[in-house]
């Protein structure tokens, strides 16, 4: 035992171990954005489902403002600037990345239909600039939420 399972997506045991070690949350870019957002005094949920019935999590969730923030990895989400197609097992990876992109669009559509604002950023974007956009969006979302609450209380 110990070798690659039959029909493995990995081209080698080393590749398999390397890919399995990739984090799905708490990545360096995500932590940098969270830290920058936190320094601005904003509080959020981490790796939470914006919609409980949708089995997808956002990196940062601001429930009251209805803002879902995603920090997408360039490789895994097909960044037009940095994504490179691997030479080995390229059909598998092309399908995998294409599926990730399609799921991202589906998630965006579900959240938008439920009245959420979706903010997507690439891992290579400046965390401070990202935090500026998040802060502005959360403030606008909270203002909108307060206006809605006032209207329903009348």
C-alpha atoms as a PDB file:
ATOM      1  CA  UNK A   1       0.000   0.000   0.000  1.00  0.00           C
ATOM      2  CA  UNK A   2       1.069   3.644   0.248  1.00  0.00           C
ATOM      3  CA  UNK A   3       1.072   4.310  -3.498  1.00  0.00           C
ATOM      4  CA  UNK A   4      -1.391   6.342  -5.477  1.00  0.00           C
ATOM      5  CA  UNK A   5      -4.972   5.085  -5.457  1.00  0.00           C
ATOM      6  CA  UNK A   6      -6.235   3.784  -8.779  1.00  0.00           C
ATOM      7  CA  UNK A   7      -7.695   6.557 -10.957  1.00  0.00           C
ATOM      8  CA  UNK A   8      -5.952   9.257  -8.888  1.00  0.00           C
ATOM      9  CA  UNK A   9      -6.003  12.831 -10.149  1.00  0.00           C
ATOM     10  CA  UNK A  10      -2.407  13.269  -8.990  1.00  0.00           C
ATOM     11  CA  UNK A  11       0.477  12.685 -11.330  1.00  0.00           C
ATOM     12  CA  UNK A  12       2.694  11.551  -8.436  1.00  0.00           C
ATOM     13  CA  UNK A  13       2.579  10.860  -4.714  1.00  0.00           C
ATOM     14  CA  UNK A  14       4.506  14.105  -4.081  1.00  0.00           C
ATOM     15  CA  UNK A  15       1.965  16.096  -6.100  1.00  0.00           C
ATOM     16  CA  UNK A  16      -0.888  14.442  -4.249  1.00  0.00           C
ATOM     17  CA  UNK A  17       0.586  15.275  -0.827  1.00  0.00           C
ATOM     18  CA  UNK A  18       1.329  18.835  -1.910  1.00  0.00           C
ATOM     19  CA  UNK A  19      -2.203  19.432  -3.191  1.00  0.00           C
ATOM     20  CA  UNK A  20      -3.806  17.845  -0.125  1.00  0.00           C
ATOM     21  CA  UNK A  21      -1.782  20.209   2.078  1.00  0.00           C
ATOM     22  CA  UNK A  22      -3.400  23.275   0.447  1.00  0.00           C
ATOM     23  CA  UNK A  23      -5.660  25.037   2.890  1.00  0.00           C
ATOM     24  CA  UNK A  24      -9.295  25.754   2.070  1.00  0.00           C
ATOM     25  CA  UNK A  25      -9.480  28.452   4.739  1.00  0.00           C
ATOM     26  CA  UNK A  26      -7.121  30.601   6.790  1.00  0.00           C
ATOM     27  CA  UNK A  27      -4.798  31.100   3.834  1.00  0.00           C
ATOM     28  CA  UNK A  28      -2.170  33.840   4.050  1.00  0.00           C
ATOM     29  CA  UNK A  29      -4.086  36.221   1.729  1.00  0.00           C
ATOM     30  CA  UNK A  30      -7.326  35.588   3.620  1.00  0.00           C
ATOM     31  CA  UNK A  31      -5.657  36.217   6.985  1.00  0.00           C
ATOM     32  CA  UNK A  32      -4.135  39.462   5.677  1.00  0.00           C
ATOM     33  CA  UNK A  33      -7.561  40.689   4.537  1.00  0.00           C
ATOM     34  CA  UNK A  34      -9.215  39.629   7.800  1.00  0.00           C
ATOM     35  CA  UNK A  35      -6.552  41.436   9.790  1.00  0.00           C
ATOM     36  CA  UNK A  36      -6.923  44.643   7.735  1.00  0.00           C
ATOM     37  CA  UNK A  37     -10.723  44.519   8.046  1.00  0.00           C
ATOM     38  CA  UNK A  38     -10.515  43.844  11.788  1.00  0.00           C
ATOM     39  CA  UNK A  39      -8.179  46.839  12.296  1.00  0.00           C
ATOM     40  CA  UNK A  40     -10.960  48.991  10.861  1.00  0.00           C
ATOM     41  CA  UNK A  41     -13.202  47.896  13.727  1.00  0.00           C
ATOM     42  CA  UNK A  42     -15.408  45.616  11.643  1.00  0.00           C
ATOM     43  CA  UNK A  43     -16.500  42.280  13.068  1.00  0.00           C
ATOM     44  CA  UNK A  44     -17.512  39.319  10.950  1.00  0.00           C
ATOM     45  CA  UNK A  45     -18.044  35.578  10.837  1.00  0.00           C
ATOM     46  CA  UNK A  46     -15.250  33.456   9.369  1.00  0.00           C
ATOM     47  CA  UNK A  47     -15.864  30.593   6.920  1.00  0.00           C
ATOM     48  CA  UNK A  48     -19.614  30.843   7.452  1.00  0.00           C
ATOM     49  CA  UNK A  49     -22.599  30.069   5.263  1.00  0.00           C
ATOM     50  CA  UNK A  50     -24.362  33.292   4.311  1.00  0.00           C
ATOM     51  CA  UNK A  51     -27.442  31.232   3.464  1.00  0.00           C
ATOM     52  CA  UNK A  52     -27.853  28.188   5.727  1.00  0.00           C
ATOM     53  CA  UNK A  53     -29.587  26.200   2.981  1.00  0.00           C
ATOM     54  CA  UNK A  54     -26.705  26.787   0.535  1.00  0.00           C
ATOM     55  CA  UNK A  55     -23.776  24.475   1.300  1.00  0.00           C
ATOM     56  CA  UNK A  56     -21.155  27.093   0.508  1.00  0.00           C
ATOM     57  CA  UNK A  57     -19.116  29.253   2.833  1.00  0.00           C
ATOM     58  CA  UNK A  58     -17.779  32.760   2.393  1.00  0.00           C
ATOM     59  CA  UNK A  59     -14.426  33.771   3.841  1.00  0.00           C
ATOM     60  CA  UNK A  60     -15.954  36.718   5.734  1.00  0.00           C
ATOM     61  CA  UNK A  61     -19.667  37.154   6.412  1.00  0.00           C
ATOM     62  CA  UNK A  62     -21.304  40.344   7.635  1.00  0.00           C
ATOM     63  CA  UNK A  63     -24.831  39.113   8.383  1.00  0.00           C
ATOM     64  CA  UNK A  64     -26.526  42.368   9.303  1.00  0.00           C
ATOM     65  CA  UNK A  65     -25.099  44.191   6.251  1.00  0.00           C
ATOM     66  CA  UNK A  66     -25.700  41.087   4.065  1.00  0.00           C
ATOM     67  CA  UNK A  67     -22.156  41.143   2.680  1.00  0.00           C
ATOM     68  CA  UNK A  68     -20.280  37.961   1.723  1.00  0.00           C
ATOM     69  CA  UNK A  69     -16.549  38.304   1.021  1.00  0.00           C
ATOM     70  CA  UNK A  70     -14.499  35.743  -0.889  1.00  0.00           C
ATOM     71  CA  UNK A  71     -10.708  35.820  -1.261  1.00  0.00           C
ATOM     72  CA  UNK A  72     -10.187  33.544  -4.245  1.00  0.00           C
ATOM     73  CA  UNK A  73      -6.916  31.763  -4.938  1.00  0.00           C
ATOM     74  CA  UNK A  74      -5.477  32.510  -8.370  1.00  0.00           C
ATOM     75  CA  UNK A  75      -4.863  28.859  -9.210  1.00  0.00           C
ATOM     76  CA  UNK A  76      -8.073  27.344  -7.849  1.00  0.00           C
ATOM     77  CA  UNK A  77     -10.444  29.980  -9.231  1.00  0.00           C
ATOM     78  CA  UNK A  78      -8.805  30.619 -12.612  1.00  0.00           C
ATOM     79  CA  UNK A  79      -7.391  34.127 -12.207  1.00  0.00           C
ATOM     80  CA  UNK A  80      -7.063  35.592 -15.718  1.00  0.00           C
ATOM     81  CA  UNK A  81      -3.801  37.244 -14.681  1.00  0.00           C
ATOM     82  CA  UNK A  82      -1.997  34.445 -12.809  1.00  0.00           C
ATOM     83  CA  UNK A  83      -3.634  31.070 -13.453  1.00  0.00           C
ATOM     84  CA  UNK A  84      -1.463  28.649 -15.396  1.00  0.00           C
ATOM     85  CA  UNK A  85      -2.722  25.368 -16.752  1.00  0.00           C
ATOM     86  CA  UNK A  86      -0.602  22.412 -15.596  1.00  0.00           C
ATOM     87  CA  UNK A  87       0.995  20.317 -18.310  1.00  0.00           C
ATOM     88  CA  UNK A  88       0.356  17.053 -16.469  1.00  0.00           C
ATOM     89  CA  UNK A  89      -3.219  15.793 -16.221  1.00  0.00           C
ATOM     90  CA  UNK A  90      -4.367  19.038 -17.854  1.00  0.00           C
ATOM     91  CA  UNK A  91      -7.866  17.815 -18.778  1.00  0.00           C
ATOM     92  CA  UNK A  92      -8.622  16.947 -15.154  1.00  0.00           C
ATOM     93  CA  UNK A  93      -7.374  20.334 -13.923  1.00  0.00           C
ATOM     94  CA  UNK A  94      -9.163  22.229 -16.666  1.00  0.00           C
ATOM     95  CA  UNK A  95     -12.443  20.569 -15.658  1.00  0.00           C
ATOM     96  CA  UNK A  96     -11.710  21.114 -11.958  1.00  0.00           C
ATOM     97  CA  UNK A  97     -10.968  24.845 -12.314  1.00  0.00           C
ATOM     98  CA  UNK A  98     -13.896  25.281 -14.731  1.00  0.00           C
ATOM     99  CA  UNK A  99     -16.168  23.641 -12.160  1.00  0.00           C
ATOM    100  CA  UNK A 100     -14.872  25.954  -9.436  1.00  0.00           C
ATOM    101  CA  UNK A 101     -15.575  29.007 -11.602  1.00  0.00           C
ATOM    102  CA  UNK A 102     -19.082  27.765 -12.414  1.00  0.00           C
ATOM    103  CA  UNK A 103     -19.765  27.124  -8.713  1.00  0.00           C
ATOM    104  CA  UNK A 104     -18.512  30.643  -7.885  1.00  0.00           C
ATOM    105  CA  UNK A 105     -20.979  32.144 -10.407  1.00  0.00           C
ATOM    106  CA  UNK A 106     -23.793  29.958  -9.052  1.00  0.00           C
ATOM    107  CA  UNK A 107     -22.983  31.042  -5.487  1.00  0.00           C
ATOM    108  CA  UNK A 108     -22.965  34.706  -6.556  1.00  0.00           C
ATOM    109  CA  UNK A 109     -26.368  34.286  -8.216  1.00  0.00           C
ATOM    110  CA  UNK A 110     -27.941  32.550  -5.190  1.00  0.00           C
ATOM    111  CA  UNK A 111     -26.642  35.190  -2.796  1.00  0.00           C
ATOM    112  CA  UNK A 112     -27.699  38.088  -5.033  1.00  0.00           C
ATOM    113  CA  UNK A 113     -31.194  36.593  -5.367  1.00  0.00           C
ATOM    114  CA  UNK A 114     -31.403  36.515  -1.554  1.00  0.00           C
ATOM    115  CA  UNK A 115     -30.429  40.200  -1.324  1.00  0.00           C
ATOM    116  CA  UNK A 116     -26.755  39.729  -0.455  1.00  0.00           C
ATOM    117  CA  UNK A 117     -23.829  41.715  -1.837  1.00  0.00           C
ATOM    118  CA  UNK A 118     -20.987  39.468  -2.969  1.00  0.00           C
ATOM    119  CA  UNK A 119     -17.439  40.825  -2.933  1.00  0.00           C
ATOM    120  CA  UNK A 120     -14.812  38.694  -4.644  1.00  0.00           C
ATOM    121  CA  UNK A 121     -11.124  39.453  -4.557  1.00  0.00           C
ATOM    122  CA  UNK A 122      -8.055  37.679  -5.917  1.00  0.00           C
ATOM    123  CA  UNK A 123      -5.397  36.501  -3.499  1.00  0.00           C
ATOM    124  CA  UNK A 124      -2.856  38.846  -5.131  1.00  0.00           C
ATOM    125  CA  UNK A 125      -4.855  42.010  -4.409  1.00  0.00           C
ATOM    126  CA  UNK A 126      -3.584  44.450  -1.796  1.00  0.00           C
ATOM    127  CA  UNK A 127      -5.218  43.538   1.548  1.00  0.00           C
ATOM    128  CA  UNK A 128      -5.515  47.202   2.595  1.00  0.00           C
ATOM    129  CA  UNK A 129      -7.264  48.124  -0.660  1.00  0.00           C
ATOM    130  CA  UNK A 130      -9.562  45.121  -0.253  1.00  0.00           C
ATOM    131  CA  UNK A 131     -10.332  46.148   3.336  1.00  0.00           C
ATOM    132  CA  UNK A 132     -11.200  49.677   2.129  1.00  0.00           C
ATOM    133  CA  UNK A 133     -13.781  48.261  -0.288  1.00  0.00           C
ATOM    134  CA  UNK A 134     -15.152  45.867   2.327  1.00  0.00           C
ATOM    135  CA  UNK A 135     -15.473  48.683   4.875  1.00  0.00           C
ATOM    136  CA  UNK A 136     -17.324  50.942   2.423  1.00  0.00           C
ATOM    137  CA  UNK A 137     -19.637  48.105   1.388  1.00  0.00           C
ATOM    138  CA  UNK A 138     -20.413  47.099   4.975  1.00  0.00           C
ATOM    139  CA  UNK A 139     -21.187  50.705   5.952  1.00  0.00           C
ATOM    140  CA  UNK A 140     -23.513  51.037   2.947  1.00  0.00           C
ATOM    141  CA  UNK A 141     -25.118  47.679   3.732  1.00  0.00           C
ATOM    142  CA  UNK A 142     -25.697  48.636   7.367  1.00  0.00           C
ATOM    143  CA  UNK A 143     -27.224  51.953   6.305  1.00  0.00           C
ATOM    144  CA  UNK A 144     -29.555  50.125   3.934  1.00  0.00           C
ATOM    145  CA  UNK A 145     -30.440  47.613   6.671  1.00  0.00           C
ATOM    146  CA  UNK A 146     -31.262  50.436   9.111  1.00  0.00           C
ATOM    147  CA  UNK A 147     -33.450  52.185   6.517  1.00  0.00           C
ATOM    148  CA  UNK A 148     -35.319  48.937   5.880  1.00  0.00           C
ATOM    149  CA  UNK A 149     -35.832  48.427   9.632  1.00  0.00           C
ATOM    150  CA  UNK A 150     -37.185  51.981  10.022  1.00  0.00           C
ATOM    151  CA  UNK A 151     -39.620  51.461   7.154  1.00  0.00           C
ATOM    152  CA  UNK A 152     -40.952  48.219   8.619  1.00  0.00           C
ATOM    153  CA  UNK A 153     -41.404  49.802  12.057  1.00  0.00           C
ATOM    154  CA  UNK A 154     -43.602  52.643  10.702  1.00  0.00           C
END
